[in-house]
Amino acid sequence: MNQITISNGTTTITMPRTRKVTDAGEVIYAEKTMASGALVRDIMGFRAGFAYEWDWVPAETITALTTMLRAGGFFTVNYFDVDGADKTGLFSVSYPSFEVFAFRKGVAMWHNCTLTIKAQGVS
């Protein structure tokens, strides 16, 4: 899989092939300083997260995605993990950011688009 899909249960948006994927996962923990001065960390789990970059994304895809995100909540995302496996999970999805609007071969496109997803739960 070289594309991610984002769904709210009724609408599914397939993003174009990504230019770059960055692992944005984080370890979730609670940290306390003991009376002795020792720092103790209670690890609750790992929250998966990814940052995606695209060279060009059709404007209609960005419009559909933004409309879906405005409803709020968590979204089902089919994605490829750093271990090479295709996975599905519930994620919060950031609003896309982009730099330049242009027409390429008659199609309205946004250039240098980025999007970040973070898992709802920890594993």
Protein backbone atom coordinates (compact mmCIF):
# COMPACT_ATOMS: atom_id res chain seq x y z
CA MET A 1 0.00 0.00 0.00
CA ASN A 2 1.39 3.39 -0.92
CA GLN A 3 -1.77 5.37 -0.24
CA ILE A 4 -3.78 6.02 2.89
CA THR A 5 -7.57 6.05 3.08
CA ILE A 6 -9.53 8.08 5.60
CA SER A 7 -13.15 7.23 6.38
CA ASN A 8 -15.90 8.52 8.66
CA GLY A 9 -18.09 5.46 8.07
CA THR A 10 -20.06 6.93 5.16
CA THR A 11 -17.40 8.72 3.10
CA THR A 12 -13.96 7.32 2.24
CA ILE A 13 -11.18 9.48 0.84
CA THR A 14 -8.16 7.88 -0.80
CA MET A 15 -5.15 10.16 -0.72
CA PRO A 16 -2.62 10.07 -3.58
CA ARG A 17 0.69 8.26 -3.31
CA THR A 18 2.78 9.89 -0.58
CA ARG A 19 6.11 11.61 -1.19
CA LYS A 20 7.34 11.17 2.38
CA VAL A 21 6.13 9.48 5.58
CA THR A 22 7.54 10.34 9.00
CA ASP A 23 6.89 8.25 12.10
CA ALA A 24 5.33 10.63 14.62
CA GLY A 25 4.46 8.03 17.27
CA GLU A 26 5.04 8.66 20.94
CA VAL A 27 5.42 6.74 24.18
CA ILE A 28 2.68 7.71 26.65
CA TYR A 29 3.83 7.79 30.26
CA ALA A 30 3.41 9.38 33.67
CA GLU A 31 6.56 10.60 35.37
CA LYS A 32 7.03 11.27 39.09
CA THR A 33 9.96 12.35 41.23
CA MET A 34 10.30 10.22 44.33
CA ALA A 35 11.26 11.60 47.77
CA SER A 36 14.76 10.20 47.15
CA GLY A 37 15.02 12.36 44.02
CA ALA A 38 14.81 9.36 41.69
CA LEU A 39 12.70 9.86 38.60
CA VAL A 40 10.15 7.07 38.02
CA ARG A 41 8.33 6.61 34.73
CA ASP A 42 5.15 4.52 34.42
CA ILE A 43 4.75 3.64 30.74
CA MET A 44 1.14 3.26 29.62
CA GLY A 45 1.81 2.37 26.00
CA PHE A 46 2.69 3.62 22.55
CA ARG A 47 0.44 5.94 20.51
CA ALA A 48 0.98 5.49 16.78
CA GLY A 49 1.22 8.61 14.67
CA PHE A 50 2.43 9.57 11.22
CA ALA A 51 3.11 12.72 9.24
CA TYR A 52 2.49 12.44 5.50
CA GLU A 53 3.72 14.70 2.70
CA TRP A 54 2.50 14.91 -0.89
CA ASP A 55 3.92 16.75 -3.85
CA TRP A 56 0.56 17.47 -5.51
CA VAL A 57 -2.98 16.73 -4.26
CA PRO A 58 -6.11 17.43 -6.32
CA ALA A 59 -8.08 20.38 -4.91
CA GLU A 60 -11.27 18.28 -4.90
CA THR A 61 -9.56 15.75 -2.58
CA ILE A 62 -8.53 18.52 -0.17
CA THR A 63 -12.06 19.97 -0.26
CA ALA A 64 -13.66 16.57 0.47
CA LEU A 65 -11.17 15.87 3.27
CA THR A 66 -11.66 19.27 4.90
CA THR A 67 -15.45 18.88 4.74
CA MET A 68 -15.22 15.46 6.41
CA LEU A 69 -12.82 16.72 9.12
CA ARG A 70 -15.16 19.57 10.06
CA ALA A 71 -17.63 16.99 11.41
CA GLY A 72 -15.00 16.16 14.07
CA GLY A 73 -14.33 12.89 15.86
CA PHE A 74 -12.00 10.06 15.06
CA PHE A 75 -11.64 8.53 11.63
CA THR A 76 -10.83 5.04 10.37
CA VAL A 77 -7.49 5.19 8.59
CA ASN A 78 -5.98 2.41 6.47
CA TYR A 79 -2.24 3.02 6.50
CA PHE A 80 1.12 1.33 6.08
CA ASP A 81 3.16 0.97 9.24
CA VAL A 82 6.93 1.26 9.61
CA ASP A 83 7.08 -2.54 9.96
CA GLY A 84 5.84 -2.79 6.36
CA ALA A 85 2.37 -4.08 7.25
CA ASP A 86 -0.92 -2.55 6.14
CA LYS A 87 -2.98 -1.63 9.20
CA THR A 88 -6.30 -0.03 10.11
CA GLY A 89 -7.07 2.06 13.20
CA LEU A 90 -8.99 4.99 14.67
CA PHE A 91 -7.07 8.25 14.37
CA SER A 92 -7.45 11.95 14.89
CA VAL A 93 -6.58 13.63 11.61
CA SER A 94 -5.15 17.15 11.36
CA TYR A 95 -6.38 19.62 8.81
CA PRO A 96 -4.15 19.51 5.73
CA SER A 97 -1.65 22.29 5.16
CA PHE A 98 -0.48 23.27 1.69
CA GLU A 99 1.57 25.95 0.00
CA VAL A 100 0.75 26.68 -3.62
CA PHE A 101 -2.40 26.36 -5.71
CA ALA A 102 -1.93 25.66 -9.41
CA PHE A 103 -3.51 24.02 -12.42
CA ARG A 104 -1.60 21.00 -13.73
CA LYS A 105 -2.83 19.66 -17.07
CA GLY A 106 -6.14 21.43 -16.47
CA VAL A 107 -6.66 19.97 -12.96
CA ALA A 108 -6.77 22.20 -9.87
CA MET A 109 -4.02 21.02 -7.48
CA TRP A 110 -2.42 21.97 -4.17
CA HIS A 111 1.38 21.66 -3.87
CA ASN A 112 3.45 20.55 -0.83
CA CYS A 113 0.57 19.18 1.23
CA THR A 114 1.08 17.73 4.72
CA LEU A 115 -1.23 15.83 7.06
CA THR A 116 -0.67 14.31 10.50
CA ILE A 117 -2.58 11.44 12.11
CA LYS A 118 -2.47 10.27 15.76
CA ALA A 119 -4.04 7.07 17.08
CA GLN A 120 -6.99 7.33 19.44
CA GLY A 121 -5.66 4.68 21.79
CA VAL A 122 -2.35 3.31 22.95
CA SER A 123 -1.00 -0.19 22.42
